[in-house]
N, C-alpha and C. Protein backbone atom coordinates (compact mmCIF):
# COMPACT_ATOMS: atom_id res chain seq x y z
N UNK A 1 24.61 13.63 -12.50
CA UNK A 1 23.40 14.34 -12.26
C UNK A 1 22.46 13.39 -11.24
N UNK A 2 21.69 14.37 -10.31
CA UNK A 2 21.13 13.60 -9.28
C UNK A 2 20.17 12.79 -9.42
N UNK A 3 19.77 11.40 -8.91
CA UNK A 3 18.93 11.26 -8.90
C UNK A 3 17.32 11.45 -8.46
N UNK A 4 16.61 11.35 -9.49
CA UNK A 4 15.33 11.58 -9.47
C UNK A 4 14.03 10.78 -8.39
N UNK A 5 13.43 11.44 -7.31
CA UNK A 5 13.04 10.65 -6.85
C UNK A 5 11.53 10.79 -7.18
N UNK A 6 10.60 9.93 -7.03
CA UNK A 6 8.84 10.69 -7.41
C UNK A 6 8.09 11.53 -6.35
N UNK A 7 7.40 11.87 -7.05
CA UNK A 7 7.04 13.17 -5.96
C UNK A 7 5.85 12.13 -5.02
N UNK A 8 5.71 13.01 -3.90
CA UNK A 8 4.90 11.92 -2.39
C UNK A 8 3.96 12.89 -2.25
N UNK A 9 3.12 11.89 -2.06
CA UNK A 9 1.55 12.53 -1.64
C UNK A 9 1.76 12.18 -0.62
N UNK A 10 0.82 13.07 0.69
CA UNK A 10 0.81 12.84 1.97
C UNK A 10 -0.90 12.42 1.78
N UNK A 11 -0.52 11.42 3.10
CA UNK A 11 -2.05 10.60 3.33
C UNK A 11 -3.46 11.25 3.06
N UNK A 12 -3.26 12.39 3.84
CA UNK A 12 -4.03 13.44 4.00
C UNK A 12 -4.85 13.80 2.49
N UNK A 13 -3.94 13.66 1.40
CA UNK A 13 -4.23 14.28 0.22
C UNK A 13 -4.69 12.99 -0.99
N UNK A 14 -4.99 11.80 -0.54
CA UNK A 14 -5.66 10.43 -0.81
C UNK A 14 -6.91 10.65 -1.74
N UNK A 15 -7.27 10.43 -3.08
CA UNK A 15 -8.34 10.65 -3.03
C UNK A 15 -8.94 9.20 -3.69
N UNK A 16 -9.97 8.52 -3.77
CA UNK A 16 -10.62 7.24 -4.87
C UNK A 16 -10.00 7.49 -6.07
N UNK A 17 -9.79 6.35 -6.98
CA UNK A 17 -9.39 6.26 -8.28
C UNK A 17 -8.30 7.27 -8.55
N UNK A 18 -7.47 7.46 -7.89
CA UNK A 18 -5.78 7.77 -8.18
C UNK A 18 -5.19 7.26 -7.74
N UNK A 19 -3.94 7.57 -8.66
CA UNK A 19 -2.67 6.93 -8.27
C UNK A 19 -2.19 7.45 -7.63
N UNK A 20 -1.05 6.87 -6.81
CA UNK A 20 -0.45 8.08 -5.93
C UNK A 20 1.13 7.51 -5.29
N UNK A 21 1.77 8.06 -5.29
CA UNK A 21 3.23 7.51 -4.58
C UNK A 21 3.04 8.24 -2.85
N UNK A 22 3.40 7.73 -2.05
CA UNK A 22 3.56 7.55 -0.56
C UNK A 22 4.86 7.18 -0.20
N UNK A 23 5.79 7.54 1.01
CA UNK A 23 6.24 7.33 1.89
C UNK A 23 5.34 7.32 3.69
N UNK A 24 5.45 6.02 4.47
CA UNK A 24 4.66 6.11 5.38
C UNK A 24 5.56 4.59 6.23
N UNK A 25 4.85 5.20 7.58
CA UNK A 25 5.35 3.69 8.82
C UNK A 25 3.96 2.99 8.41
N UNK A 26 4.21 1.57 8.75
CA UNK A 26 3.47 0.47 8.46
C UNK A 26 3.15 0.39 10.18
N UNK A 27 1.82 0.78 10.35
CA UNK A 27 1.35 0.60 11.72
C UNK A 27 0.64 -0.07 12.42
N UNK A 28 0.00 -1.03 11.41
CA UNK A 28 -0.67 -2.26 11.76
C UNK A 28 -0.65 -3.54 10.73
N UNK A 29 -0.66 -4.45 11.02
CA UNK A 29 -0.59 -5.16 10.29
C UNK A 29 -1.51 -6.55 10.79
N UNK A 30 -2.38 -6.78 9.78
CA UNK A 30 -3.24 -8.08 10.47
C UNK A 30 -2.72 -9.43 10.19
N UNK A 31 -3.41 -10.43 10.44
CA UNK A 31 -2.78 -12.04 9.84
C UNK A 31 -2.86 -11.63 8.41
N UNK A 32 -1.91 -12.79 7.75
CA UNK A 32 -2.29 -13.06 6.07
C UNK A 32 -2.91 -14.27 6.37
N UNK A 33 -3.75 -13.94 5.26
CA UNK A 33 -4.80 -15.28 4.66
C UNK A 33 -4.52 -15.83 3.38
N UNK A 34 -5.55 -16.89 3.03
CA UNK A 34 -5.18 -16.85 1.55
C UNK A 34 -6.85 -16.92 1.36
N UNK A 35 -6.66 -16.67 -0.21
CA UNK A 35 -8.01 -16.17 -0.64
C UNK A 35 -8.26 -16.88 -2.25
N UNK A 36 -9.10 -17.14 -2.77
CA UNK A 36 -9.41 -17.28 -4.08
C UNK A 36 -9.56 -16.31 -5.07
N UNK A 37 -8.54 -16.01 -6.13
CA UNK A 37 -9.10 -15.00 -6.74
C UNK A 37 -9.97 -15.19 -7.79
N UNK A 38 -10.08 -14.19 -8.90
CA UNK A 38 -11.60 -14.33 -9.82
C UNK A 38 -11.04 -15.23 -10.47
N UNK A 39 -9.70 -15.22 -10.81
CA UNK A 39 -9.56 -16.84 -11.80
C UNK A 39 -9.42 -17.95 -11.65
N UNK A 40 -9.36 -17.92 -10.08
CA UNK A 40 -9.32 -19.41 -9.96
C UNK A 40 -8.59 -19.86 -8.44
N UNK A 41 -7.21 -19.35 -9.09
CA UNK A 41 -5.74 -19.72 -8.23
C UNK A 41 -5.80 -18.99 -6.79
N UNK A 42 -5.51 -19.57 -5.87
CA UNK A 42 -5.50 -18.63 -4.17
C UNK A 42 -4.06 -18.53 -4.26
N UNK A 43 -4.19 -17.01 -3.62
CA UNK A 43 -3.44 -15.80 -3.52
C UNK A 43 -3.31 -15.34 -1.68
N UNK A 44 -1.86 -15.23 -1.54
CA UNK A 44 -2.12 -14.85 0.00
C UNK A 44 -2.53 -13.02 -0.38
N UNK A 45 -2.65 -12.69 1.03
CA UNK A 45 -3.61 -11.06 1.42
C UNK A 45 -3.19 -11.21 2.36
N UNK A 46 -3.13 -9.69 3.18
CA UNK A 46 -2.44 -8.93 4.21
C UNK A 46 -2.77 -7.68 4.02
N UNK A 47 -3.91 -7.33 5.28
CA UNK A 47 -4.25 -6.06 5.05
C UNK A 47 -3.54 -5.34 6.40
N UNK A 48 -3.77 -3.84 6.46
CA UNK A 48 -2.58 -2.72 7.61
C UNK A 48 -2.98 -1.90 7.36
N UNK A 49 -2.23 -1.00 8.01
CA UNK A 49 -2.55 0.57 8.06
C UNK A 49 -1.30 1.03 7.80
N UNK A 50 -1.41 2.33 6.90
CA UNK A 50 -0.21 3.05 6.97
C UNK A 50 -0.16 4.54 7.81
N UNK A 51 0.93 5.42 8.10
CA UNK A 51 0.41 6.50 9.06
C UNK A 51 1.94 7.38 8.57
N UNK A 52 1.40 8.59 8.57
CA UNK A 52 2.59 9.95 7.96
C UNK A 52 2.16 10.96 9.15
N UNK A 53 2.42 11.86 9.14
CA UNK A 53 2.34 13.03 9.28
C UNK A 53 0.97 13.79 9.39
N UNK A 54 0.45 12.92 8.61
CA UNK A 54 -1.00 13.97 8.07
C UNK A 54 -2.06 13.08 8.42
N UNK A 55 -2.14 11.34 8.76
CA UNK A 55 -2.98 10.73 9.03
C UNK A 55 -2.66 9.27 9.04
N UNK A 56 -4.05 8.14 9.09
CA UNK A 56 -4.04 6.78 8.49
C UNK A 56 -4.34 6.68 7.59
N UNK A 57 -3.99 5.44 6.88
CA UNK A 57 -4.91 5.02 5.76
C UNK A 57 -4.98 3.31 5.98
N UNK A 58 -5.84 2.26 5.12
CA UNK A 58 -5.81 1.19 5.38
C UNK A 58 -5.25 1.20 3.74
N UNK A 59 -4.17 -0.26 4.17
CA UNK A 59 -3.74 -0.47 2.74
C UNK A 59 -3.86 -2.20 2.63
N UNK A 60 -3.68 -2.81 1.30
CA UNK A 60 -3.54 -4.23 1.42
C UNK A 60 -2.23 -4.92 0.60
N UNK A 61 -2.06 -5.73 0.84
CA UNK A 61 -0.75 -6.51 0.16
C UNK A 61 -0.93 -7.84 -0.50
N UNK A 62 -0.68 -8.05 -1.38
CA UNK A 62 -1.34 -9.38 -2.14
C UNK A 62 0.48 -9.95 -2.76
N UNK A 63 0.34 -11.82 -2.44
CA UNK A 63 1.09 -12.53 -3.04
C UNK A 63 2.76 -12.16 -2.18
N UNK A 64 3.45 -11.72 -2.87
CA UNK A 64 4.41 -11.94 -2.24
C UNK A 64 5.07 -10.34 -1.54
N UNK A 65 4.36 -9.62 -2.05
CA UNK A 65 4.05 -8.16 -0.65
C UNK A 65 3.67 -8.76 0.36
N UNK A 66 3.18 -9.54 0.76
CA UNK A 66 2.64 -10.18 1.63
C UNK A 66 3.66 -10.15 2.91
N UNK A 67 5.15 -10.60 2.48
CA UNK A 67 5.89 -11.17 3.72
C UNK A 67 7.11 -10.13 3.44
N UNK A 68 6.81 -8.52 2.45
CA UNK A 68 8.14 -7.96 2.21
C UNK A 68 8.12 -6.94 4.12
N UNK A 69 7.24 -6.62 4.30
CA UNK A 69 6.79 -5.71 5.62
C UNK A 69 6.57 -6.30 6.47
N UNK A 70 7.16 -5.45 7.66
CA UNK A 70 6.35 -5.91 9.28
C UNK A 70 5.91 -4.44 10.13
N UNK A 71 5.25 -4.37 10.85
CA UNK A 71 5.08 -3.18 11.62
C UNK A 71 6.10 -2.61 12.12
N UNK A 72 6.30 -1.09 11.80
CA UNK A 72 7.21 -0.48 12.12
C UNK A 72 8.06 0.16 11.05
N UNK A 73 7.68 -0.71 9.80
CA UNK A 73 8.56 -0.87 8.97
C UNK A 73 8.30 1.10 8.30
N UNK A 74 9.66 1.28 7.58
CA UNK A 74 8.88 2.50 7.10
C UNK A 74 8.94 2.24 5.25
N UNK A 75 8.21 2.45 4.24
CA UNK A 75 7.69 1.72 2.91
C UNK A 75 7.39 3.15 2.05
N UNK A 76 7.93 2.73 1.16
CA UNK A 76 7.21 3.82 -0.11
C UNK A 76 6.39 2.88 -1.26
N UNK A 77 5.21 3.68 -1.47
CA UNK A 77 4.49 3.26 -2.46
C UNK A 77 4.60 4.00 -3.67
N UNK A 78 4.77 3.16 -4.59
CA UNK A 78 5.15 4.04 -6.03
C UNK A 78 4.13 3.39 -6.90
N UNK A 79 3.07 4.54 -7.40
CA UNK A 79 2.03 4.71 -8.41
C UNK A 79 1.38 3.15 -7.22
N UNK A 80 0.97 3.51 -6.15
CA UNK A 80 -0.04 2.84 -5.71
C UNK A 80 -1.51 3.46 -6.31
N UNK A 81 -2.33 2.47 -5.96
CA UNK A 81 -3.74 2.77 -6.60
C UNK A 81 -4.78 3.04 -5.55
N UNK A 82 -5.32 4.06 -5.29
CA UNK A 82 -6.27 4.61 -4.47
C UNK A 82 -7.47 3.66 -4.72
N UNK A 83 -8.50 3.27 -4.17
CA UNK A 83 -9.60 2.83 -3.65
C UNK A 83 -10.92 3.15 -2.77
N UNK A 84 -11.98 3.15 -2.72
CA UNK A 84 -12.73 3.40 -1.51
C UNK A 84 -13.60 2.08 -1.36
N UNK A 85 -13.37 1.89 0.13
CA UNK A 85 -14.27 0.72 0.82
C UNK A 85 -15.12 1.56 2.08
N UNK A 86 -16.28 1.20 2.13
CA UNK A 86 -17.67 1.83 2.64
C UNK A 86 -17.09 3.06 3.19
N UNK A 87 -16.57 4.20 1.76
CA UNK A 87 -16.61 5.49 2.05
C UNK A 87 -15.03 6.00 2.66
N UNK A 88 -14.81 5.43 2.55
CA UNK A 88 -12.95 5.37 2.83
C UNK A 88 -11.81 4.85 2.19
N UNK A 89 -10.85 5.61 2.18
CA UNK A 89 -10.05 5.15 0.83
C UNK A 89 -9.21 4.24 1.48
N UNK A 90 -8.26 3.49 0.80
CA UNK A 90 -7.69 2.41 0.88
C UNK A 90 -6.63 2.20 -0.15
N UNK A 91 -5.12 1.84 -0.04
CA UNK A 91 -4.48 2.24 -1.24
C UNK A 91 -3.59 0.55 -1.40
N UNK A 92 -3.78 -0.02 -2.59
CA UNK A 92 -3.01 -1.27 -2.83
C UNK A 92 -1.85 -1.02 -3.75
N UNK A 93 -0.71 -1.51 -4.04
CA UNK A 93 0.10 -1.26 -5.15
C UNK A 93 -0.38 -1.32 -6.05
N UNK A 94 -1.30 -2.26 -6.81
CA UNK A 94 -1.92 -2.28 -8.01
C UNK A 94 -0.59 -3.52 -8.99
N UNK A 95 -1.64 -3.60 -10.01
CA UNK A 95 -1.25 -4.87 -10.23
C UNK A 95 -0.49 -4.50 -11.85
N UNK A 96 0.02 -3.33 -12.45
CA UNK A 96 0.72 -3.30 -13.29
C UNK A 96 2.02 -2.27 -13.02
N UNK A 97 2.03 -1.06 -12.97
CA UNK A 97 3.02 -0.16 -12.23
C UNK A 97 3.34 -0.14 -10.88
N UNK A 98 2.43 -0.32 -10.13
CA UNK A 98 2.94 -0.24 -8.54
C UNK A 98 4.15 -0.73 -7.92
N UNK A 99 4.64 -0.45 -7.18
CA UNK A 99 5.98 -0.96 -6.40
C UNK A 99 6.11 -0.80 -4.98
N UNK A 100 6.14 -1.66 -4.07
CA UNK A 100 6.13 -1.62 -2.90
C UNK A 100 8.05 -1.43 -2.46
N UNK A 101 8.37 -0.90 -1.89
CA UNK A 101 9.72 -0.35 -1.63
C UNK A 101 10.17 -0.37 0.32
N UNK A 102 10.57 -0.82 0.62
CA UNK A 102 10.70 -1.21 2.28
C UNK A 102 11.89 0.03 2.38
N UNK A 103 12.13 1.06 2.92
CA UNK A 103 13.17 1.89 3.05
C UNK A 103 13.79 1.78 4.66
N UNK A 104 14.81 2.32 4.15
CA UNK A 104 16.28 1.84 5.43
C UNK A 104 15.71 2.81 6.81
């Protein structure tokens, strides 16, 4: 039986308040920084940009995800959460079902 792949969404199709699975290249990464969460403990966070053949989108990495990828890596974000900031979409892996995978 062939292995099934999650349906892919292109960056140009991303809409806020939706879950999406995309494959893209990390085109930019800002330095990691440490922030306090609402619950009090500190965690690391890192902003960046993803690019595919249809466009670019901002994304954010949290905690252990911060060290998983570098600029130029191909990644798959499975069930990432699309949010809006200043009217523009950005993608987060999400807390519950999201997953970040580094592709070969």
